[in-house]
Amino acid sequence: MIPGAKRWLVVAIVLIAIVSAFSKQFNSYYLGIAIDVGINIILAVSLNLIMGHTGQFSLGHAGFMAVGSYTAASFTIACTKHVPESAAPFLLVGGLILGGLLAALCGLAVGVPTLRLRGDYLAIVTLGFGEIIRVVFQNMEAVGAASGLSGIPNYTNFFWSWTTAAIAAYAVAALVNSTYGRGFIAVHDDEIAASAMGINPTRYKVTAFVVGAFFAGVAGALYAHHKQTINPTGFDFMKSFEIVVMVILGGMGRTVGVIIAAILLTILPEMLRPVAEYRMIIYSLLIIVIMMARPQGLFTLRSSKGANT
């Protein structure tokens, strides 16, 4: 584990709590963007565990996000009618855990039969999974079908978004830098050599997939309780692609770089709103130029010991 990481996690949570205490004085538009940034950090860090540290190309992360989002939203909507308003934090935490666990279960169901595949084949399978999840929710009347699910309590605030992001970043860094986590790096570098050393590549890939899916589900739960209305189109292939871009732009396997990229790619589209008609064109061109100029990612920093950070 990175020295002093627990101390920094505590410091980060304290600072987040202080900022959150004054958040009601902030402009609601900018506060909403800040909450989105925290959610995207969770998504990017969790996918980085799968892609950057284990070397598996996944295009179905939005599917896990959707599972967590719909599960948590359904849970809190059902419970809100029967508990006092003061119980909101407990409902949110319960929703986050429930959404994350169900997403992790889906990750396990997908990972066990498919993670023996590699490269393009795995990407196609995960893409298919994401689309299956979207279509299932699109045709499920219990959660609003194509019109989506509305009336979700507004439980997500700056504190919950950023605290969860800090915990996700810490958990992934702790896992990767642990003795067990070195297996991820070994599998990423050379599966055949890892197998020769007695490491089971499938076991480590499934573990990374399940942990990544769990945090994607947690991010989806926060997203649902921030937007208050969700529909299947918000979890399509383009959402998965956005998360992939964050990981690649930040430098695969670089937790700090991925966090910075998640912040930039959440804020950049909002900065381009004055030129709304050209916003996506400019945004796409910037990404193309960056990837051509620096394909290894913008933020490829290493710690003094050479470990991924």
C-alpha atoms as a PDB file:
ATOM      1  CA  MET A   1       0.000   0.000   0.000  1.00  0.00           C
ATOM      2  CA  ILE A   2       1.133   3.574  -0.725  1.00  0.00           C
ATOM      3  CA  PRO A   3       2.677   5.036   2.463  1.00  0.00           C
ATOM      4  CA  GLY A   4       0.435   7.497   4.248  1.00  0.00           C
ATOM      5  CA  ALA A   5      -2.537   6.800   1.978  1.00  0.00           C
ATOM      6  CA  LYS A   6      -4.922   6.250   4.887  1.00  0.00           C
ATOM      7  CA  ARG A   7      -3.899   9.576   6.371  1.00  0.00           C
ATOM      8  CA  TRP A   8      -4.499  11.344   3.073  1.00  0.00           C
ATOM      9  CA  LEU A   9      -7.883   9.655   2.730  1.00  0.00           C
ATOM     10  CA  VAL A  10      -8.939  10.989   6.128  1.00  0.00           C
ATOM     11  CA  VAL A  11      -7.629  14.461   5.253  1.00  0.00           C
ATOM     12  CA  ALA A  12      -9.512  14.370   1.942  1.00  0.00           C
ATOM     13  CA  ILE A  13     -12.791  13.378   3.617  1.00  0.00           C
ATOM     14  CA  VAL A  14     -12.407  16.135   6.220  1.00  0.00           C
ATOM     15  CA  LEU A  15     -11.765  18.734   3.492  1.00  0.00           C
ATOM     16  CA  ILE A  16     -14.735  17.443   1.495  1.00  0.00           C
ATOM     17  CA  ALA A  17     -16.937  17.733   4.588  1.00  0.00           C
ATOM     18  CA  ILE A  18     -15.805  21.342   5.125  1.00  0.00           C
ATOM     19  CA  VAL A  19     -16.508  22.302   1.523  1.00  0.00           C
ATOM     20  CA  SER A  20     -19.837  20.468   1.638  1.00  0.00           C
ATOM     21  CA  ALA A  21     -20.872  22.468   4.700  1.00  0.00           C
ATOM     22  CA  PHE A  22     -20.771  25.626   2.561  1.00  0.00           C
ATOM     23  CA  SER A  23     -22.108  24.011  -0.618  1.00  0.00           C
ATOM     24  CA  LYS A  24     -25.585  25.540  -0.260  1.00  0.00           C
ATOM     25  CA  GLN A  25     -24.019  28.944  -0.889  1.00  0.00           C
ATOM     26  CA  PHE A  26     -22.604  27.812  -4.229  1.00  0.00           C
ATOM     27  CA  ASN A  27     -24.249  28.326  -7.600  1.00  0.00           C
ATOM     28  CA  SER A  28     -26.487  25.278  -8.157  1.00  0.00           C
ATOM     29  CA  TYR A  29     -25.258  24.847 -11.738  1.00  0.00           C
ATOM     30  CA  TYR A  30     -21.584  24.679 -10.739  1.00  0.00           C
ATOM     31  CA  LEU A  31     -22.429  22.509  -7.748  1.00  0.00           C
ATOM     32  CA  GLY A  32     -24.167  20.057 -10.076  1.00  0.00           C
ATOM     33  CA  ILE A  33     -21.063  19.901 -12.276  1.00  0.00           C
ATOM     34  CA  ALA A  34     -18.898  19.274  -9.200  1.00  0.00           C
ATOM     35  CA  ILE A  35     -21.135  16.362  -8.225  1.00  0.00           C
ATOM     36  CA  ASP A  36     -20.901  14.992 -11.776  1.00  0.00           C
ATOM     37  CA  VAL A  37     -17.111  15.216 -11.528  1.00  0.00           C
ATOM     38  CA  GLY A  38     -17.119  13.046  -8.395  1.00  0.00           C
ATOM     39  CA  ILE A  39     -19.329  10.436 -10.069  1.00  0.00           C
ATOM     40  CA  ASN A  40     -17.132  10.344 -13.175  1.00  0.00           C
ATOM     41  CA  ILE A  41     -14.021   9.924 -11.048  1.00  0.00           C
ATOM     42  CA  ILE A  42     -15.546   6.770  -9.548  1.00  0.00           C
ATOM     43  CA  LEU A  43     -16.400   5.442 -13.018  1.00  0.00           C
ATOM     44  CA  ALA A  44     -12.957   6.223 -14.448  1.00  0.00           C
ATOM     45  CA  VAL A  45     -11.021   4.806 -11.492  1.00  0.00           C
ATOM     46  CA  SER A  46     -13.075   1.608 -11.490  1.00  0.00           C
ATOM     47  CA  LEU A  47     -12.636   1.066 -15.246  1.00  0.00           C
ATOM     48  CA  ASN A  48      -8.925   1.825 -14.882  1.00  0.00           C
ATOM     49  CA  LEU A  49      -8.649  -1.207 -12.597  1.00  0.00           C
ATOM     50  CA  ILE A  50     -10.016  -3.374 -15.415  1.00  0.00           C
ATOM     51  CA  MET A  51      -8.286  -1.748 -18.386  1.00  0.00           C
ATOM     52  CA  GLY A  52      -5.203  -0.079 -16.982  1.00  0.00           C
ATOM     53  CA  HIS A  53      -4.104  -2.523 -14.304  1.00  0.00           C
ATOM     54  CA  THR A  54      -5.366  -5.841 -15.676  1.00  0.00           C
ATOM     55  CA  GLY A  55      -5.262  -5.108 -19.397  1.00  0.00           C
ATOM     56  CA  GLN A  56      -8.852  -6.065 -20.255  1.00  0.00           C
ATOM     57  CA  PHE A  57     -10.623  -3.873 -22.810  1.00  0.00           C
ATOM     58  CA  SER A  58     -14.193  -3.405 -21.542  1.00  0.00           C
ATOM     59  CA  LEU A  59     -16.914  -1.487 -23.368  1.00  0.00           C
ATOM     60  CA  GLY A  60     -19.781  -2.377 -21.046  1.00  0.00           C
ATOM     61  CA  HIS A  61     -19.093  -0.230 -17.994  1.00  0.00           C
ATOM     62  CA  ALA A  62     -22.289   1.756 -18.508  1.00  0.00           C
ATOM     63  CA  GLY A  63     -24.205  -1.502 -18.136  1.00  0.00           C
ATOM     64  CA  PHE A  64     -22.910  -1.986 -14.585  1.00  0.00           C
ATOM     65  CA  MET A  65     -23.662   1.658 -13.896  1.00  0.00           C
ATOM     66  CA  ALA A  66     -27.238   1.107 -15.088  1.00  0.00           C
ATOM     67  CA  VAL A  67     -27.702  -1.914 -12.812  1.00  0.00           C
ATOM     68  CA  GLY A  68     -26.556   0.071  -9.778  1.00  0.00           C
ATOM     69  CA  SER A  69     -28.608   3.089 -10.785  1.00  0.00           C
ATOM     70  CA  TYR A  70     -31.931   1.288 -11.245  1.00  0.00           C
ATOM     71  CA  THR A  71     -31.409  -0.980  -8.235  1.00  0.00           C
ATOM     72  CA  ALA A  72     -30.609   1.843  -5.809  1.00  0.00           C
ATOM     73  CA  ALA A  73     -33.344   4.085  -7.180  1.00  0.00           C
ATOM     74  CA  SER A  74     -35.988   1.360  -6.871  1.00  0.00           C
ATOM     75  CA  PHE A  75     -34.831   0.624  -3.317  1.00  0.00           C
ATOM     76  CA  THR A  76     -34.980   4.213  -2.080  1.00  0.00           C
ATOM     77  CA  ILE A  77     -38.286   4.973  -3.831  1.00  0.00           C
ATOM     78  CA  ALA A  78     -39.849   1.958  -2.130  1.00  0.00           C
ATOM     79  CA  CYS A  79     -38.398   2.830   1.289  1.00  0.00           C
ATOM     80  CA  THR A  80     -38.925   6.596   1.288  1.00  0.00           C
ATOM     81  CA  LYS A  81     -42.667   6.198   1.840  1.00  0.00           C
ATOM     82  CA  HIS A  82     -42.139   4.223   5.034  1.00  0.00           C
ATOM     83  CA  VAL A  83     -39.260   6.017   6.812  1.00  0.00           C
ATOM     84  CA  PRO A  84     -38.790   9.579   8.114  1.00  0.00           C
ATOM     85  CA  GLU A  85     -36.792  12.139   6.156  1.00  0.00           C
ATOM     86  CA  SER A  86     -34.001  11.971   8.749  1.00  0.00           C
ATOM     87  CA  ALA A  87     -33.238   8.441   7.554  1.00  0.00           C
ATOM     88  CA  ALA A  88     -32.176   9.691   4.100  1.00  0.00           C
ATOM     89  CA  PRO A  89     -28.407   9.136   4.633  1.00  0.00           C
ATOM     90  CA  PHE A  90     -29.037   5.541   5.710  1.00  0.00           C
ATOM     91  CA  LEU A  91     -31.257   4.921   2.696  1.00  0.00           C
ATOM     92  CA  LEU A  92     -28.600   6.331   0.382  1.00  0.00           C
ATOM     93  CA  VAL A  93     -25.857   4.196   1.897  1.00  0.00           C
ATOM     94  CA  GLY A  94     -28.130   1.152   1.664  1.00  0.00           C
ATOM     95  CA  GLY A  95     -28.867   1.985  -1.958  1.00  0.00           C
ATOM     96  CA  LEU A  96     -25.173   2.428  -2.765  1.00  0.00           C
ATOM     97  CA  ILE A  97     -24.268  -0.917  -1.234  1.00  0.00           C
ATOM     98  CA  LEU A  98     -27.218  -2.748  -2.793  1.00  0.00           C
ATOM     99  CA  GLY A  99     -26.610  -1.224  -6.231  1.00  0.00           C
ATOM    100  CA  GLY A 100     -22.893  -1.967  -6.027  1.00  0.00           C
ATOM    101  CA  LEU A 101     -23.411  -5.566  -4.946  1.00  0.00           C
ATOM    102  CA  LEU A 102     -25.915  -6.324  -7.694  1.00  0.00           C
ATOM    103  CA  ALA A 103     -23.613  -4.724 -10.270  1.00  0.00           C
ATOM    104  CA  ALA A 104     -20.734  -6.827  -8.897  1.00  0.00           C
ATOM    105  CA  LEU A 105     -22.888  -9.937  -9.231  1.00  0.00           C
ATOM    106  CA  CYS A 106     -23.535  -9.024 -12.874  1.00  0.00           C
ATOM    107  CA  GLY A 107     -19.794  -8.484 -13.309  1.00  0.00           C
ATOM    108  CA  LEU A 108     -19.176 -11.972 -11.933  1.00  0.00           C
ATOM    109  CA  ALA A 109     -21.846 -13.461 -14.220  1.00  0.00           C
ATOM    110  CA  VAL A 110     -20.246 -11.828 -17.248  1.00  0.00           C
ATOM    111  CA  GLY A 111     -16.656 -12.271 -16.158  1.00  0.00           C
ATOM    112  CA  VAL A 112     -16.533 -15.994 -15.361  1.00  0.00           C
ATOM    113  CA  PRO A 113     -17.541 -17.251 -18.845  1.00  0.00           C
ATOM    114  CA  THR A 114     -15.987 -14.451 -20.933  1.00  0.00           C
ATOM    115  CA  LEU A 115     -12.714 -13.310 -19.364  1.00  0.00           C
ATOM    116  CA  ARG A 116     -10.828 -16.175 -20.946  1.00  0.00           C
ATOM    117  CA  LEU A 117     -11.202 -14.059 -24.068  1.00  0.00           C
ATOM    118  CA  ARG A 118      -8.771 -11.269 -24.900  1.00  0.00           C
ATOM    119  CA  GLY A 119      -8.569  -8.002 -26.790  1.00  0.00           C
ATOM    120  CA  ASP A 120     -11.206  -7.348 -29.442  1.00  0.00           C
ATOM    121  CA  TYR A 121     -13.221 -10.444 -28.552  1.00  0.00           C
ATOM    122  CA  LEU A 122     -13.610  -9.356 -24.942  1.00  0.00           C
ATOM    123  CA  ALA A 123     -14.483  -5.812 -26.032  1.00  0.00           C
ATOM    124  CA  ILE A 124     -17.281  -7.140 -28.262  1.00  0.00           C
ATOM    125  CA  VAL A 125     -18.669  -9.356 -25.488  1.00  0.00           C
ATOM    126  CA  THR A 126     -18.707  -6.534 -22.928  1.00  0.00           C
ATOM    127  CA  LEU A 127     -20.272  -4.195 -25.482  1.00  0.00           C
ATOM    128  CA  GLY A 128     -23.001  -6.780 -26.065  1.00  0.00           C
ATOM    129  CA  PHE A 129     -23.562  -7.103 -22.317  1.00  0.00           C
ATOM    130  CA  GLY A 130     -23.980  -3.338 -21.930  1.00  0.00           C
ATOM    131  CA  GLU A 131     -26.541  -3.253 -24.716  1.00  0.00           C
ATOM    132  CA  ILE A 132     -28.430  -6.230 -23.275  1.00  0.00           C
ATOM    133  CA  ILE A 133     -28.737  -4.464 -19.914  1.00  0.00           C
ATOM    134  CA  ARG A 134     -29.962  -1.283 -21.606  1.00  0.00           C
ATOM    135  CA  VAL A 135     -32.589  -3.132 -23.643  1.00  0.00           C
ATOM    136  CA  VAL A 136     -33.762  -5.087 -20.570  1.00  0.00           C
ATOM    137  CA  PHE A 137     -34.398  -1.878 -18.638  1.00  0.00           C
ATOM    138  CA  GLN A 138     -35.938  -0.294 -21.726  1.00  0.00           C
ATOM    139  CA  ASN A 139     -38.586  -3.029 -21.778  1.00  0.00           C
ATOM    140  CA  MET A 140     -39.090  -3.442 -18.015  1.00  0.00           C
ATOM    141  CA  GLU A 141     -42.371  -1.786 -17.082  1.00  0.00           C
ATOM    142  CA  ALA A 142     -41.590  -2.001 -13.349  1.00  0.00           C
ATOM    143  CA  VAL A 143     -38.873   0.642 -13.777  1.00  0.00           C
ATOM    144  CA  GLY A 144     -40.639   2.836 -16.316  1.00  0.00           C
ATOM    145  CA  ALA A 145     -39.495   1.043 -19.476  1.00  0.00           C
ATOM    146  CA  ALA A 146     -38.414   3.454 -22.248  1.00  0.00           C
ATOM    147  CA  SER A 147     -39.759   6.528 -20.445  1.00  0.00           C
ATOM    148  CA  GLY A 148     -37.431   5.867 -17.515  1.00  0.00           C
ATOM    149  CA  LEU A 149     -37.743   6.010 -13.752  1.00  0.00           C
ATOM    150  CA  SER A 150     -38.654   9.304 -12.088  1.00  0.00           C
ATOM    151  CA  GLY A 151     -39.441  10.557  -8.612  1.00  0.00           C
ATOM    152  CA  ILE A 152     -36.049   9.451  -7.266  1.00  0.00           C
ATOM    153  CA  PRO A 153     -35.143  11.220  -3.988  1.00  0.00           C
ATOM    154  CA  ASN A 154     -32.442  13.878  -4.271  1.00  0.00           C
ATOM    155  CA  TYR A 155     -29.987  12.323  -1.817  1.00  0.00           C
ATOM    156  CA  THR A 156     -26.680  12.796  -3.649  1.00  0.00           C
ATOM    157  CA  ASN A 157     -24.787  15.927  -2.674  1.00  0.00           C
ATOM    158  CA  PHE A 158     -21.202  17.152  -2.904  1.00  0.00           C
ATOM    159  CA  PHE A 159     -20.152  15.276   0.229  1.00  0.00           C
ATOM    160  CA  TRP A 160     -21.466  11.874  -0.854  1.00  0.00           C
ATOM    161  CA  SER A 161     -20.185  12.222  -4.417  1.00  0.00           C
ATOM    162  CA  TRP A 162     -16.625  13.240  -3.547  1.00  0.00           C
ATOM    163  CA  THR A 163     -16.292  11.109  -0.410  1.00  0.00           C
ATOM    164  CA  THR A 164     -17.274   8.032  -2.387  1.00  0.00           C
ATOM    165  CA  ALA A 165     -14.825   9.051  -5.126  1.00  0.00           C
ATOM    166  CA  ALA A 166     -12.033   9.351  -2.531  1.00  0.00           C
ATOM    167  CA  ILE A 167     -12.894   5.941  -1.077  1.00  0.00           C
ATOM    168  CA  ALA A 168     -13.004   4.361  -4.562  1.00  0.00           C
ATOM    169  CA  ALA A 169      -9.603   5.810  -5.488  1.00  0.00           C
ATOM    170  CA  TYR A 170      -8.139   4.661  -2.172  1.00  0.00           C
ATOM    171  CA  ALA A 171      -9.625   1.160  -2.460  1.00  0.00           C
ATOM    172  CA  VAL A 172      -8.341   0.635  -6.008  1.00  0.00           C
ATOM    173  CA  ALA A 173      -4.875   1.997  -5.150  1.00  0.00           C
ATOM    174  CA  ALA A 174      -4.726  -0.164  -2.012  1.00  0.00           C
ATOM    175  CA  LEU A 175      -5.744  -3.250  -3.955  1.00  0.00           C
ATOM    176  CA  VAL A 176      -3.288  -2.686  -6.803  1.00  0.00           C
ATOM    177  CA  ASN A 177      -0.379  -1.913  -4.481  1.00  0.00           C
ATOM    178  CA  SER A 178      -1.055  -4.912  -2.231  1.00  0.00           C
ATOM    179  CA  THR A 179       0.669  -8.264  -2.567  1.00  0.00           C
ATOM    180  CA  TYR A 180      -2.459  -9.701  -4.161  1.00  0.00           C
ATOM    181  CA  GLY A 181      -2.711  -6.722  -6.500  1.00  0.00           C
ATOM    182  CA  ARG A 182       0.684  -7.449  -8.017  1.00  0.00           C
ATOM    183  CA  GLY A 183      -1.068 -10.312  -9.735  1.00  0.00           C
ATOM    184  CA  PHE A 184      -3.068  -7.758 -11.753  1.00  0.00           C
ATOM    185  CA  ILE A 185       0.149  -6.189 -13.015  1.00  0.00           C
ATOM    186  CA  ALA A 186       1.593  -9.605 -13.866  1.00  0.00           C
ATOM    187  CA  VAL A 187      -1.509 -10.560 -15.851  1.00  0.00           C
ATOM    188  CA  HIS A 188      -1.473  -7.178 -17.597  1.00  0.00           C
ATOM    189  CA  ASP A 189       2.168  -7.514 -18.642  1.00  0.00           C
ATOM    190  CA  ASP A 190       2.166 -11.142 -19.822  1.00  0.00           C
ATOM    191  CA  GLU A 191      -0.546 -13.703 -19.145  1.00  0.00           C
ATOM    192  CA  ILE A 192       1.583 -16.624 -20.333  1.00  0.00           C
ATOM    193  CA  ALA A 193       4.485 -15.704 -18.073  1.00  0.00           C
ATOM    194  CA  ALA A 194       2.065 -15.129 -15.185  1.00  0.00           C
ATOM    195  CA  SER A 195       0.572 -18.595 -15.717  1.00  0.00           C
ATOM    196  CA  ALA A 196       4.056 -20.101 -15.768  1.00  0.00           C
ATOM    197  CA  MET A 197       4.704 -18.517 -12.365  1.00  0.00           C
ATOM    198  CA  GLY A 198       1.586 -20.164 -10.914  1.00  0.00           C
ATOM    199  CA  ILE A 199      -0.768 -17.180 -11.245  1.00  0.00           C
ATOM    200  CA  ASN A 200      -4.291 -17.899 -12.472  1.00  0.00           C
ATOM    201  CA  PRO A 201      -4.991 -15.063 -14.985  1.00  0.00           C
ATOM    202  CA  THR A 202      -8.744 -15.736 -15.113  1.00  0.00           C
ATOM    203  CA  ARG A 203      -9.040 -15.444 -11.323  1.00  0.00           C
ATOM    204  CA  TYR A 204      -7.330 -12.050 -11.272  1.00  0.00           C
ATOM    205  CA  LYS A 205      -9.257 -10.765 -14.275  1.00  0.00           C
ATOM    206  CA  VAL A 206     -12.578 -11.804 -12.734  1.00  0.00           C
ATOM    207  CA  THR A 207     -11.598 -10.155  -9.434  1.00  0.00           C
ATOM    208  CA  ALA A 208     -10.760  -6.891 -11.209  1.00  0.00           C
ATOM    209  CA  PHE A 209     -13.984  -7.107 -13.199  1.00  0.00           C
ATOM    210  CA  VAL A 210     -16.122  -7.667 -10.092  1.00  0.00           C
ATOM    211  CA  VAL A 211     -14.478  -4.839  -8.104  1.00  0.00           C
ATOM    212  CA  GLY A 212     -14.729  -2.488 -11.080  1.00  0.00           C
ATOM    213  CA  ALA A 213     -18.377  -3.412 -11.591  1.00  0.00           C
ATOM    214  CA  PHE A 214     -19.105  -2.809  -7.898  1.00  0.00           C
ATOM    215  CA  PHE A 215     -17.820   0.764  -8.006  1.00  0.00           C
ATOM    216  CA  ALA A 216     -19.570   1.383 -11.338  1.00  0.00           C
ATOM    217  CA  GLY A 217     -22.807   0.315  -9.638  1.00  0.00           C
ATOM    218  CA  VAL A 218     -22.098   2.683  -6.739  1.00  0.00           C
ATOM    219  CA  ALA A 219     -21.488   5.513  -9.223  1.00  0.00           C
ATOM    220  CA  GLY A 220     -24.777   4.660 -10.922  1.00  0.00           C
ATOM    221  CA  ALA A 221     -26.598   4.841  -7.586  1.00  0.00           C
ATOM    222  CA  LEU A 222     -25.145   8.304  -6.905  1.00  0.00           C
ATOM    223  CA  TYR A 223     -26.050   9.358 -10.444  1.00  0.00           C
ATOM    224  CA  ALA A 224     -29.677   8.301 -10.008  1.00  0.00           C
ATOM    225  CA  HIS A 225     -30.059  10.223  -6.751  1.00  0.00           C
ATOM    226  CA  HIS A 226     -28.432  13.279  -8.319  1.00  0.00           C
ATOM    227  CA  LYS A 227     -30.413  13.466 -11.568  1.00  0.00           C
ATOM    228  CA  GLN A 228     -33.650  12.162  -9.955  1.00  0.00           C
ATOM    229  CA  THR A 229     -34.797  10.831 -13.327  1.00  0.00           C
ATOM    230  CA  ILE A 230     -33.041   8.065 -15.234  1.00  0.00           C
ATOM    231  CA  ASN A 231     -33.764   6.348 -18.536  1.00  0.00           C
ATOM    232  CA  PRO A 232     -32.005   3.639 -20.574  1.00  0.00           C
ATOM    233  CA  THR A 233     -30.573   6.088 -23.124  1.00  0.00           C
ATOM    234  CA  GLY A 234     -28.335   7.515 -20.415  1.00  0.00           C
ATOM    235  CA  PHE A 235     -26.476   4.190 -20.198  1.00  0.00           C
ATOM    236  CA  ASP A 236     -25.844   3.466 -23.863  1.00  0.00           C
ATOM    237  CA  PHE A 237     -22.589   2.713 -25.679  1.00  0.00           C
ATOM    238  CA  MET A 238     -21.616   6.394 -25.767  1.00  0.00           C
ATOM    239  CA  LYS A 239     -21.572   6.515 -21.963  1.00  0.00           C
ATOM    240  CA  SER A 240     -19.214   3.539 -21.855  1.00  0.00           C
ATOM    241  CA  PHE A 241     -17.094   5.191 -24.531  1.00  0.00           C
ATOM    242  CA  GLU A 242     -16.845   8.406 -22.502  1.00  0.00           C
ATOM    243  CA  ILE A 243     -15.472   6.467 -19.537  1.00  0.00           C
ATOM    244  CA  VAL A 244     -12.987   4.636 -21.762  1.00  0.00           C
ATOM    245  CA  VAL A 245     -11.740   7.970 -23.114  1.00  0.00           C
ATOM    246  CA  MET A 246     -11.156   9.223 -19.558  1.00  0.00           C
ATOM    247  CA  VAL A 247      -8.997   6.190 -18.801  1.00  0.00           C
ATOM    248  CA  ILE A 248      -7.005   6.387 -22.034  1.00  0.00           C
ATOM    249  CA  LEU A 249      -6.534  10.139 -21.834  1.00  0.00           C
ATOM    250  CA  GLY A 250      -5.347   9.967 -18.222  1.00  0.00           C
ATOM    251  CA  GLY A 251      -2.887   7.186 -18.969  1.00  0.00           C
ATOM    252  CA  MET A 252      -3.975   3.600 -18.419  1.00  0.00           C
ATOM    253  CA  GLY A 253      -2.816   2.289 -15.065  1.00  0.00           C
ATOM    254  CA  ARG A 254      -2.234   5.785 -13.652  1.00  0.00           C
ATOM    255  CA  THR A 255      -4.823   6.478 -10.965  1.00  0.00           C
ATOM    256  CA  VAL A 256      -3.883  10.135 -10.518  1.00  0.00           C
ATOM    257  CA  GLY A 257      -3.861  10.737 -14.276  1.00  0.00           C
ATOM    258  CA  VAL A 258      -7.266   9.095 -14.723  1.00  0.00           C
ATOM    259  CA  ILE A 259      -8.724  11.274 -11.959  1.00  0.00           C
ATOM    260  CA  ILE A 260      -7.392  14.432 -13.632  1.00  0.00           C
ATOM    261  CA  ALA A 261      -8.749  13.287 -17.006  1.00  0.00           C
ATOM    262  CA  ALA A 262     -12.181  12.598 -15.470  1.00  0.00           C
ATOM    263  CA  ILE A 263     -12.241  16.139 -14.070  1.00  0.00           C
ATOM    264  CA  LEU A 264     -11.171  17.710 -17.373  1.00  0.00           C
ATOM    265  CA  LEU A 265     -13.556  15.710 -19.544  1.00  0.00           C
ATOM    266  CA  THR A 266     -16.492  16.532 -17.268  1.00  0.00           C
ATOM    267  CA  ILE A 267     -15.766  20.261 -17.186  1.00  0.00           C
ATOM    268  CA  LEU A 268     -14.695  20.713 -20.830  1.00  0.00           C
ATOM    269  CA  PRO A 269     -18.131  20.147 -22.442  1.00  0.00           C
ATOM    270  CA  GLU A 270     -19.627  22.683 -20.020  1.00  0.00           C
ATOM    271  CA  MET A 271     -16.955  25.248 -20.910  1.00  0.00           C
ATOM    272  CA  LEU A 272     -17.896  24.853 -24.559  1.00  0.00           C
ATOM    273  CA  ARG A 273     -21.584  25.641 -24.006  1.00  0.00           C
ATOM    274  CA  PRO A 274     -21.199  29.223 -25.399  1.00  0.00           C
ATOM    275  CA  VAL A 275     -20.551  27.560 -28.764  1.00  0.00           C
ATOM    276  CA  ALA A 276     -23.217  24.910 -28.253  1.00  0.00           C
ATOM    277  CA  GLU A 277     -23.714  24.159 -31.949  1.00  0.00           C
ATOM    278  CA  TYR A 278     -20.029  23.317 -32.341  1.00  0.00           C
ATOM    279  CA  ARG A 279     -19.429  21.957 -28.864  1.00  0.00           C
ATOM    280  CA  MET A 280     -19.249  18.254 -29.657  1.00  0.00           C
ATOM    281  CA  ILE A 281     -17.204  18.898 -32.803  1.00  0.00           C
ATOM    282  CA  ILE A 282     -14.600  20.892 -30.870  1.00  0.00           C
ATOM    283  CA  TYR A 283     -14.662  18.368 -28.017  1.00  0.00           C
ATOM    284  CA  SER A 284     -14.110  15.454 -30.403  1.00  0.00           C
ATOM    285  CA  LEU A 285     -11.338  17.248 -32.313  1.00  0.00           C
ATOM    286  CA  LEU A 286      -9.509  18.043 -29.069  1.00  0.00           C
ATOM    287  CA  ILE A 287      -9.599  14.375 -28.063  1.00  0.00           C
ATOM    288  CA  ILE A 288      -8.350  13.299 -31.520  1.00  0.00           C
ATOM    289  CA  VAL A 289      -5.469  15.782 -31.410  1.00  0.00           C
ATOM    290  CA  ILE A 290      -4.502  14.766 -27.868  1.00  0.00           C
ATOM    291  CA  MET A 291      -4.553  11.064 -28.742  1.00  0.00           C
ATOM    292  CA  MET A 292      -2.440  11.637 -31.853  1.00  0.00           C
ATOM    293  CA  ALA A 293       0.056  13.863 -30.036  1.00  0.00           C
ATOM    294  CA  ARG A 294       0.298  11.781 -26.854  1.00  0.00           C
ATOM    295  CA  PRO A 295      -1.206   8.300 -27.301  1.00  0.00           C
ATOM    296  CA  GLN A 296       0.234   7.077 -23.981  1.00  0.00           C
ATOM    297  CA  GLY A 297      -2.010   9.535 -22.138  1.00  0.00           C
ATOM    298  CA  LEU A 298      -1.471  13.019 -20.808  1.00  0.00           C
ATOM    299  CA  PHE A 299      -0.651  12.117 -17.229  1.00  0.00           C
ATOM    300  CA  THR A 300       1.782   9.208 -17.161  1.00  0.00           C
ATOM    301  CA  LEU A 301       3.430   9.810 -13.805  1.00  0.00           C
ATOM    302  CA  ARG A 302       5.068   7.143 -11.703  1.00  0.00           C
ATOM    303  CA  SER A 303       5.770   7.089  -8.014  1.00  0.00           C
ATOM    304  CA  SER A 304       9.348   7.144  -6.807  1.00  0.00           C
ATOM    305  CA  LYS A 305       9.255   3.374  -6.401  1.00  0.00           C
ATOM    306  CA  GLY A 306       7.982   2.841  -9.913  1.00  0.00           C
ATOM    307  CA  ALA A 307       4.592   1.593  -8.831  1.00  0.00           C
ATOM    308  CA  ASN A 308       1.434   2.717 -10.534  1.00  0.00           C
ATOM    309  CA  THR A 309      -0.166   5.707  -8.862  1.00  0.00           C
END
